[in-house]
């Protein structure tokens, strides 16, 4: 436990030192336009679940990402139109995601060293520039990653324990990931691959003919597929309206 605390305290300190200049730069690029020219951003109240909502500067492109809007409303409602709280929120959530990466790698490999390496690479990798230093991305990518990783963790626990509560939490966090960023739909194929790699024996040992075994194996993915269909329909409808 002491080693774990020391490790994460160290990489969090390095991470904050490297990215601290972001706290001082205010709104830049597209953030500057949205916060100073977009009516909803200036008011601090974006309609969270309006599938027709599109910021003025995005022209004909629209993205249904309601949790980003909810997060913006909360931070803006508490701190007003300051940039620093958005960056601090991004720092905190990205750091928390590094811990989740560590937990997931440990769960898969049972190798502590590999978990530490994965967390450090995830946290400090410079390609995360957009996720950390652009407010428009802070409101989307870290939130989607947070829900996505939690979904994987609880789904893997469900596959090991078959406890309903873990499955319900996995489905809930999948909804959160999809309502943050559409690319989260890739969870289904990734989870199925994970299932086959680690729990293939259960499929082989199941009762019934081959088709029945496949159908019984697939039924756990039905809620994910149904929500994926609903989420995809919202995206298509959103694009067609603009």
C-alpha atoms as a PDB file:
ATOM      1  CA  UNK A   1       0.000   0.000   0.000  1.00  0.00           C
ATOM      2  CA  UNK A   2       2.806   2.451   0.888  1.00  0.00           C
ATOM      3  CA  UNK A   3       4.557   1.740  -2.421  1.00  0.00           C
ATOM      4  CA  UNK A   4       1.317   2.325  -4.314  1.00  0.00           C
ATOM      5  CA  UNK A   5       0.652   5.624  -2.556  1.00  0.00           C
ATOM      6  CA  UNK A   6       4.223   6.800  -3.141  1.00  0.00           C
ATOM      7  CA  UNK A   7       4.079   5.817  -6.814  1.00  0.00           C
ATOM      8  CA  UNK A   8       0.836   7.627  -7.567  1.00  0.00           C
ATOM      9  CA  UNK A   9       1.816  10.678  -5.498  1.00  0.00           C
ATOM     10  CA  UNK A  10       5.029  10.889  -7.534  1.00  0.00           C
ATOM     11  CA  UNK A  11       3.491  10.579 -10.991  1.00  0.00           C
ATOM     12  CA  UNK A  12       0.654  12.947 -10.039  1.00  0.00           C
ATOM     13  CA  UNK A  13       3.223  15.535  -8.922  1.00  0.00           C
ATOM     14  CA  UNK A  14       5.201  15.123 -12.161  1.00  0.00           C
ATOM     15  CA  UNK A  15       1.994  15.354 -14.186  1.00  0.00           C
ATOM     16  CA  UNK A  16       0.901  18.566 -12.444  1.00  0.00           C
ATOM     17  CA  UNK A  17       4.358  20.121 -12.844  1.00  0.00           C
ATOM     18  CA  UNK A  18       4.443  19.358 -16.579  1.00  0.00           C
ATOM     19  CA  UNK A  19       0.966  20.664 -17.331  1.00  0.00           C
ATOM     20  CA  UNK A  20       0.726  23.501 -14.790  1.00  0.00           C
ATOM     21  CA  UNK A  21       1.220  26.199 -17.487  1.00  0.00           C
ATOM     22  CA  UNK A  22      -2.185  25.231 -18.918  1.00  0.00           C
ATOM     23  CA  UNK A  23      -3.838  26.753 -15.842  1.00  0.00           C
ATOM     24  CA  UNK A  24      -2.638  30.219 -16.835  1.00  0.00           C
ATOM     25  CA  UNK A  25      -3.517  30.330 -20.522  1.00  0.00           C
ATOM     26  CA  UNK A  26      -7.280  30.938 -20.267  1.00  0.00           C
ATOM     27  CA  UNK A  27      -9.521  30.200 -23.203  1.00  0.00           C
ATOM     28  CA  UNK A  28      -7.702  29.475 -26.450  1.00  0.00           C
ATOM     29  CA  UNK A  29      -8.616  28.463 -29.989  1.00  0.00           C
ATOM     30  CA  UNK A  30     -12.173  27.270 -30.382  1.00  0.00           C
ATOM     31  CA  UNK A  31     -12.735  27.605 -26.631  1.00  0.00           C
ATOM     32  CA  UNK A  32     -12.284  31.353 -26.979  1.00  0.00           C
ATOM     33  CA  UNK A  33     -14.960  31.546 -29.672  1.00  0.00           C
ATOM     34  CA  UNK A  34     -17.461  29.383 -27.821  1.00  0.00           C
ATOM     35  CA  UNK A  35     -17.142  31.133 -24.479  1.00  0.00           C
ATOM     36  CA  UNK A  36     -17.287  34.654 -25.855  1.00  0.00           C
ATOM     37  CA  UNK A  37     -19.580  34.360 -28.880  1.00  0.00           C
ATOM     38  CA  UNK A  38     -21.905  31.399 -28.317  1.00  0.00           C
ATOM     39  CA  UNK A  39     -25.101  32.449 -26.515  1.00  0.00           C
ATOM     40  CA  UNK A  40     -25.482  29.219 -24.533  1.00  0.00           C
ATOM     41  CA  UNK A  41     -21.854  29.172 -23.393  1.00  0.00           C
ATOM     42  CA  UNK A  42     -22.001  32.793 -22.271  1.00  0.00           C
ATOM     43  CA  UNK A  43     -25.168  32.136 -20.276  1.00  0.00           C
ATOM     44  CA  UNK A  44     -23.619  29.071 -18.642  1.00  0.00           C
ATOM     45  CA  UNK A  45     -26.611  26.889 -19.493  1.00  0.00           C
ATOM     46  CA  UNK A  46     -26.405  24.487 -22.434  1.00  0.00           C
ATOM     47  CA  UNK A  47     -29.558  22.386 -22.995  1.00  0.00           C
ATOM     48  CA  UNK A  48     -28.079  19.049 -21.809  1.00  0.00           C
ATOM     49  CA  UNK A  49     -30.229  16.497 -23.620  1.00  0.00           C
ATOM     50  CA  UNK A  50     -31.321  18.444 -26.677  1.00  0.00           C
ATOM     51  CA  UNK A  51     -30.273  16.272 -29.668  1.00  0.00           C
ATOM     52  CA  UNK A  52     -30.566  19.282 -31.973  1.00  0.00           C
ATOM     53  CA  UNK A  53     -28.122  21.405 -29.964  1.00  0.00           C
ATOM     54  CA  UNK A  54     -25.102  22.554 -31.976  1.00  0.00           C
ATOM     55  CA  UNK A  55     -22.615  25.271 -31.109  1.00  0.00           C
ATOM     56  CA  UNK A  56     -22.505  28.135 -33.588  1.00  0.00           C
ATOM     57  CA  UNK A  57     -18.915  27.632 -34.673  1.00  0.00           C
ATOM     58  CA  UNK A  58     -19.369  23.968 -35.650  1.00  0.00           C
ATOM     59  CA  UNK A  59     -21.483  24.875 -38.661  1.00  0.00           C
ATOM     60  CA  UNK A  60     -23.240  21.817 -40.077  1.00  0.00           C
ATOM     61  CA  UNK A  61     -21.679  19.290 -37.681  1.00  0.00           C
ATOM     62  CA  UNK A  62     -23.477  18.282 -34.488  1.00  0.00           C
ATOM     63  CA  UNK A  63     -22.512  15.888 -31.724  1.00  0.00           C
ATOM     64  CA  UNK A  64     -24.887  14.415 -29.144  1.00  0.00           C
ATOM     65  CA  UNK A  65     -22.750  14.485 -25.978  1.00  0.00           C
ATOM     66  CA  UNK A  66     -25.131  15.467 -23.164  1.00  0.00           C
ATOM     67  CA  UNK A  67     -22.808  14.631 -20.262  1.00  0.00           C
ATOM     68  CA  UNK A  68     -20.330  17.188 -21.602  1.00  0.00           C
ATOM     69  CA  UNK A  69     -23.117  19.773 -21.476  1.00  0.00           C
ATOM     70  CA  UNK A  70     -24.141  18.736 -17.955  1.00  0.00           C
ATOM     71  CA  UNK A  71     -20.518  18.993 -16.780  1.00  0.00           C
ATOM     72  CA  UNK A  72     -20.131  22.416 -18.370  1.00  0.00           C
ATOM     73  CA  UNK A  73     -23.314  23.644 -16.695  1.00  0.00           C
ATOM     74  CA  UNK A  74     -22.136  22.447 -13.269  1.00  0.00           C
ATOM     75  CA  UNK A  75     -18.641  23.918 -13.482  1.00  0.00           C
ATOM     76  CA  UNK A  76     -19.859  27.188 -14.989  1.00  0.00           C
ATOM     77  CA  UNK A  77     -22.662  27.385 -12.430  1.00  0.00           C
ATOM     78  CA  UNK A  78     -20.200  27.086  -9.526  1.00  0.00           C
ATOM     79  CA  UNK A  79     -17.184  29.020 -10.817  1.00  0.00           C
ATOM     80  CA  UNK A  80     -18.600  31.233 -13.564  1.00  0.00           C
ATOM     81  CA  UNK A  81     -16.719  31.912 -16.794  1.00  0.00           C
ATOM     82  CA  UNK A  82     -13.238  31.139 -15.434  1.00  0.00           C
ATOM     83  CA  UNK A  83     -10.966  28.845 -17.403  1.00  0.00           C
ATOM     84  CA  UNK A  84      -8.879  27.460 -14.529  1.00  0.00           C
ATOM     85  CA  UNK A  85     -11.632  25.301 -12.925  1.00  0.00           C
ATOM     86  CA  UNK A  86     -12.146  23.519 -16.252  1.00  0.00           C
ATOM     87  CA  UNK A  87      -8.441  22.708 -16.499  1.00  0.00           C
ATOM     88  CA  UNK A  88      -8.314  21.527 -12.876  1.00  0.00           C
ATOM     89  CA  UNK A  89     -11.301  19.293 -13.541  1.00  0.00           C
ATOM     90  CA  UNK A  90      -9.445  17.825 -16.517  1.00  0.00           C
ATOM     91  CA  UNK A  91      -6.300  17.287 -14.421  1.00  0.00           C
ATOM     92  CA  UNK A  92      -8.274  15.519 -11.710  1.00  0.00           C
ATOM     93  CA  UNK A  93     -10.257  13.261 -14.045  1.00  0.00           C
ATOM     94  CA  UNK A  94      -7.226  12.341 -16.147  1.00  0.00           C
ATOM     95  CA  UNK A  95      -5.368  11.381 -12.956  1.00  0.00           C
ATOM     96  CA  UNK A  96      -8.333   9.321 -11.782  1.00  0.00           C
ATOM     97  CA  UNK A  97      -8.416   7.557 -15.140  1.00  0.00           C
ATOM     98  CA  UNK A  98      -4.760   6.613 -14.680  1.00  0.00           C
ATOM     99  CA  UNK A  99      -5.733   4.847 -11.443  1.00  0.00           C
ATOM    100  CA  UNK A 100      -8.501   3.003 -13.295  1.00  0.00           C
ATOM    101  CA  UNK A 101      -6.005   1.943 -15.978  1.00  0.00           C
ATOM    102  CA  UNK A 102      -3.807   0.569 -13.200  1.00  0.00           C
ATOM    103  CA  UNK A 103      -6.737  -1.372 -11.713  1.00  0.00           C
ATOM    104  CA  UNK A 104      -7.780  -2.771 -15.081  1.00  0.00           C
ATOM    105  CA  UNK A 105      -4.287  -3.932 -16.019  1.00  0.00           C
ATOM    106  CA  UNK A 106      -3.879  -5.581 -12.610  1.00  0.00           C
ATOM    107  CA  UNK A 107      -7.213  -7.321 -13.089  1.00  0.00           C
ATOM    108  CA  UNK A 108      -6.149  -8.679 -16.475  1.00  0.00           C
ATOM    109  CA  UNK A 109      -2.536  -9.578 -15.773  1.00  0.00           C
ATOM    110  CA  UNK A 110      -2.177  -9.768 -11.967  1.00  0.00           C
ATOM    111  CA  UNK A 111       1.184  -8.059 -12.425  1.00  0.00           C
ATOM    112  CA  UNK A 112       1.644  -4.986 -10.248  1.00  0.00           C
ATOM    113  CA  UNK A 113       4.680  -3.704 -12.151  1.00  0.00           C
ATOM    114  CA  UNK A 114       2.792  -3.772 -15.438  1.00  0.00           C
ATOM    115  CA  UNK A 115      -0.059  -1.880 -13.797  1.00  0.00           C
ATOM    116  CA  UNK A 116       2.308   0.832 -12.591  1.00  0.00           C
ATOM    117  CA  UNK A 117       3.917   1.143 -16.032  1.00  0.00           C
ATOM    118  CA  UNK A 118       0.548   1.362 -17.771  1.00  0.00           C
ATOM    119  CA  UNK A 119      -0.724   4.048 -15.389  1.00  0.00           C
ATOM    120  CA  UNK A 120       2.436   6.127 -15.775  1.00  0.00           C
ATOM    121  CA  UNK A 121       2.378   5.929 -19.576  1.00  0.00           C
ATOM    122  CA  UNK A 122      -1.307   6.802 -19.678  1.00  0.00           C
ATOM    123  CA  UNK A 123      -0.893   9.775 -17.357  1.00  0.00           C
ATOM    124  CA  UNK A 124       2.315  11.253 -18.778  1.00  0.00           C
ATOM    125  CA  UNK A 125       2.120  10.400 -22.482  1.00  0.00           C
ATOM    126  CA  UNK A 126       2.452  13.761 -24.342  1.00  0.00           C
ATOM    127  CA  UNK A 127      -0.125  12.863 -26.995  1.00  0.00           C
ATOM    128  CA  UNK A 128      -2.771  13.628 -24.354  1.00  0.00           C
ATOM    129  CA  UNK A 129      -2.179  17.332 -24.984  1.00  0.00           C
ATOM    130  CA  UNK A 130      -5.690  17.935 -26.351  1.00  0.00           C
ATOM    131  CA  UNK A 131      -7.375  16.064 -23.498  1.00  0.00           C
ATOM    132  CA  UNK A 132      -5.582  18.130 -20.876  1.00  0.00           C
ATOM    133  CA  UNK A 133      -5.142  21.594 -22.330  1.00  0.00           C
ATOM    134  CA  UNK A 134      -8.212  22.175 -24.506  1.00  0.00           C
ATOM    135  CA  UNK A 135     -11.428  22.804 -22.585  1.00  0.00           C
ATOM    136  CA  UNK A 136     -13.588  21.548 -25.440  1.00  0.00           C
ATOM    137  CA  UNK A 137     -11.838  18.159 -25.144  1.00  0.00           C
ATOM    138  CA  UNK A 138     -11.689  18.191 -21.329  1.00  0.00           C
ATOM    139  CA  UNK A 139     -15.473  18.163 -21.276  1.00  0.00           C
ATOM    140  CA  UNK A 140     -15.599  15.069 -23.503  1.00  0.00           C
ATOM    141  CA  UNK A 141     -12.593  12.714 -23.601  1.00  0.00           C
ATOM    142  CA  UNK A 142     -11.728  12.282 -19.878  1.00  0.00           C
ATOM    143  CA  UNK A 143     -15.406  11.829 -18.986  1.00  0.00           C
ATOM    144  CA  UNK A 144     -15.931   9.215 -21.704  1.00  0.00           C
ATOM    145  CA  UNK A 145     -12.708   7.444 -20.686  1.00  0.00           C
ATOM    146  CA  UNK A 146     -13.784   7.422 -17.034  1.00  0.00           C
ATOM    147  CA  UNK A 147     -17.103   5.717 -17.775  1.00  0.00           C
ATOM    148  CA  UNK A 148     -15.525   3.428 -20.380  1.00  0.00           C
ATOM    149  CA  UNK A 149     -12.891   2.115 -17.969  1.00  0.00           C
ATOM    150  CA  UNK A 150     -15.428   1.638 -15.181  1.00  0.00           C
ATOM    151  CA  UNK A 151     -17.633  -0.266 -17.612  1.00  0.00           C
ATOM    152  CA  UNK A 152     -14.765  -2.601 -18.490  1.00  0.00           C
ATOM    153  CA  UNK A 153     -13.820  -3.118 -14.843  1.00  0.00           C
ATOM    154  CA  UNK A 154     -17.321  -4.048 -13.740  1.00  0.00           C
ATOM    155  CA  UNK A 155     -18.023  -6.156 -16.815  1.00  0.00           C
ATOM    156  CA  UNK A 156     -14.850  -8.156 -16.251  1.00  0.00           C
ATOM    157  CA  UNK A 157     -15.793  -8.597 -12.587  1.00  0.00           C
ATOM    158  CA  UNK A 158     -19.210  -9.806 -13.735  1.00  0.00           C
ATOM    159  CA  UNK A 159     -17.637 -12.358 -16.066  1.00  0.00           C
ATOM    160  CA  UNK A 160     -15.612 -13.677 -13.121  1.00  0.00           C
ATOM    161  CA  UNK A 161     -18.316 -13.623 -10.427  1.00  0.00           C
ATOM    162  CA  UNK A 162     -21.635 -13.583 -12.369  1.00  0.00           C
ATOM    163  CA  UNK A 163     -23.012 -11.118  -9.822  1.00  0.00           C
ATOM    164  CA  UNK A 164     -25.986  -9.166 -11.156  1.00  0.00           C
ATOM    165  CA  UNK A 165     -25.009  -5.908  -9.446  1.00  0.00           C
ATOM    166  CA  UNK A 166     -21.698  -5.851 -11.290  1.00  0.00           C
ATOM    167  CA  UNK A 167     -23.460  -6.422 -14.591  1.00  0.00           C
ATOM    168  CA  UNK A 168     -25.970  -3.649 -13.850  1.00  0.00           C
ATOM    169  CA  UNK A 169     -23.145  -1.243 -13.033  1.00  0.00           C
ATOM    170  CA  UNK A 170     -21.332  -2.192 -16.247  1.00  0.00           C
ATOM    171  CA  UNK A 171     -24.460  -1.405 -18.280  1.00  0.00           C
ATOM    172  CA  UNK A 172     -24.937   1.880 -16.392  1.00  0.00           C
ATOM    173  CA  UNK A 173     -21.360   2.997 -17.017  1.00  0.00           C
ATOM    174  CA  UNK A 174     -21.665   1.992 -20.682  1.00  0.00           C
ATOM    175  CA  UNK A 175     -24.624   4.361 -20.981  1.00  0.00           C
ATOM    176  CA  UNK A 176     -22.502   7.096 -19.405  1.00  0.00           C
ATOM    177  CA  UNK A 177     -19.636   6.473 -21.823  1.00  0.00           C
ATOM    178  CA  UNK A 178     -21.929   6.559 -24.861  1.00  0.00           C
ATOM    179  CA  UNK A 179     -23.559   9.774 -23.659  1.00  0.00           C
ATOM    180  CA  UNK A 180     -20.085  11.294 -23.403  1.00  0.00           C
ATOM    181  CA  UNK A 181     -18.591  10.227 -26.742  1.00  0.00           C
ATOM    182  CA  UNK A 182     -19.941   8.023 -29.534  1.00  0.00           C
ATOM    183  CA  UNK A 183     -16.690   6.039 -29.920  1.00  0.00           C
ATOM    184  CA  UNK A 184     -17.586   4.238 -26.677  1.00  0.00           C
ATOM    185  CA  UNK A 185     -19.730   1.937 -28.803  1.00  0.00           C
ATOM    186  CA  UNK A 186     -16.551  -0.034 -29.451  1.00  0.00           C
ATOM    187  CA  UNK A 187     -16.942  -1.524 -25.979  1.00  0.00           C
ATOM    188  CA  UNK A 188     -19.177  -4.333 -27.251  1.00  0.00           C
ATOM    189  CA  UNK A 189     -16.638  -5.827 -29.633  1.00  0.00           C
ATOM    190  CA  UNK A 190     -13.778  -5.285 -27.145  1.00  0.00           C
ATOM    191  CA  UNK A 191     -15.770  -6.889 -24.318  1.00  0.00           C
ATOM    192  CA  UNK A 192     -16.714  -9.860 -26.494  1.00  0.00           C
ATOM    193  CA  UNK A 193     -13.044 -10.362 -27.372  1.00  0.00           C
ATOM    194  CA  UNK A 194     -12.130 -10.139 -23.697  1.00  0.00           C
ATOM    195  CA  UNK A 195     -14.860 -12.641 -22.890  1.00  0.00           C
ATOM    196  CA  UNK A 196     -13.604 -15.134 -25.470  1.00  0.00           C
ATOM    197  CA  UNK A 197      -9.963 -14.747 -24.462  1.00  0.00           C
ATOM    198  CA  UNK A 198     -10.454 -15.256 -20.724  1.00  0.00           C
ATOM    199  CA  UNK A 199     -13.655 -17.277 -20.435  1.00  0.00           C
ATOM    200  CA  UNK A 200     -13.811 -19.390 -23.606  1.00  0.00           C
ATOM    201  CA  UNK A 201     -14.102 -22.596 -21.579  1.00  0.00           C
ATOM    202  CA  UNK A 202     -17.522 -21.557 -20.311  1.00  0.00           C
ATOM    203  CA  UNK A 203     -18.800 -21.332 -23.870  1.00  0.00           C
ATOM    204  CA  UNK A 204     -17.397 -24.768 -24.676  1.00  0.00           C
ATOM    205  CA  UNK A 205     -18.844 -26.344 -21.528  1.00  0.00           C
ATOM    206  CA  UNK A 206     -22.322 -24.815 -21.912  1.00  0.00           C
ATOM    207  CA  UNK A 207     -25.276 -27.114 -22.585  1.00  0.00           C
ATOM    208  CA  UNK A 208     -27.130 -27.318 -25.903  1.00  0.00           C
ATOM    209  CA  UNK A 209     -26.083 -27.343 -29.520  1.00  0.00           C
ATOM    210  CA  UNK A 210     -23.651 -24.846 -30.992  1.00  0.00           C
ATOM    211  CA  UNK A 211     -26.326 -22.294 -31.920  1.00  0.00           C
ATOM    212  CA  UNK A 212     -27.923 -22.453 -28.466  1.00  0.00           C
ATOM    213  CA  UNK A 213     -24.559 -22.012 -26.779  1.00  0.00           C
ATOM    214  CA  UNK A 214     -23.777 -18.974 -28.931  1.00  0.00           C
ATOM    215  CA  UNK A 215     -27.183 -17.402 -28.260  1.00  0.00           C
ATOM    216  CA  UNK A 216     -26.871 -18.004 -24.520  1.00  0.00           C
ATOM    217  CA  UNK A 217     -23.381 -16.517 -24.603  1.00  0.00           C
ATOM    218  CA  UNK A 218     -24.570 -13.452 -26.536  1.00  0.00           C
ATOM    219  CA  UNK A 219     -27.602 -12.608 -24.368  1.00  0.00           C
ATOM    220  CA  UNK A 220     -25.454 -10.664 -21.876  1.00  0.00           C
ATOM    221  CA  UNK A 221     -24.696  -8.143 -24.642  1.00  0.00           C
ATOM    222  CA  UNK A 222     -28.320  -7.431 -25.578  1.00  0.00           C
ATOM    223  CA  UNK A 223     -28.768  -4.320 -23.333  1.00  0.00           C
ATOM    224  CA  UNK A 224     -25.547  -2.877 -24.775  1.00  0.00           C
ATOM    225  CA  UNK A 225     -26.681  -3.507 -28.363  1.00  0.00           C
ATOM    226  CA  UNK A 226     -30.141  -2.022 -27.728  1.00  0.00           C
ATOM    227  CA  UNK A 227     -28.693   1.139 -26.246  1.00  0.00           C
ATOM    228  CA  UNK A 228     -26.192   1.296 -29.076  1.00  0.00           C
ATOM    229  CA  UNK A 229     -29.091   1.228 -31.549  1.00  0.00           C
ATOM    230  CA  UNK A 230     -30.846   4.030 -29.632  1.00  0.00           C
ATOM    231  CA  UNK A 231     -27.648   6.080 -29.332  1.00  0.00           C
ATOM    232  CA  UNK A 232     -26.841   5.654 -33.024  1.00  0.00           C
ATOM    233  CA  UNK A 233     -30.335   6.794 -33.934  1.00  0.00           C
ATOM    234  CA  UNK A 234     -29.895   9.978 -31.913  1.00  0.00           C
ATOM    235  CA  UNK A 235     -26.605  10.713 -33.680  1.00  0.00           C
ATOM    236  CA  UNK A 236     -28.089  10.146 -37.133  1.00  0.00           C
ATOM    237  CA  UNK A 237     -31.122  12.259 -36.275  1.00  0.00           C
ATOM    238  CA  UNK A 238     -28.866  14.964 -34.878  1.00  0.00           C
ATOM    239  CA  UNK A 239     -26.758  15.051 -38.064  1.00  0.00           C
ATOM    240  CA  UNK A 240     -29.807  15.115 -40.349  1.00  0.00           C
ATOM    241  CA  UNK A 241     -31.234  18.108 -38.479  1.00  0.00           C
ATOM    242  CA  UNK A 242     -28.117  20.125 -39.326  1.00  0.00           C
END
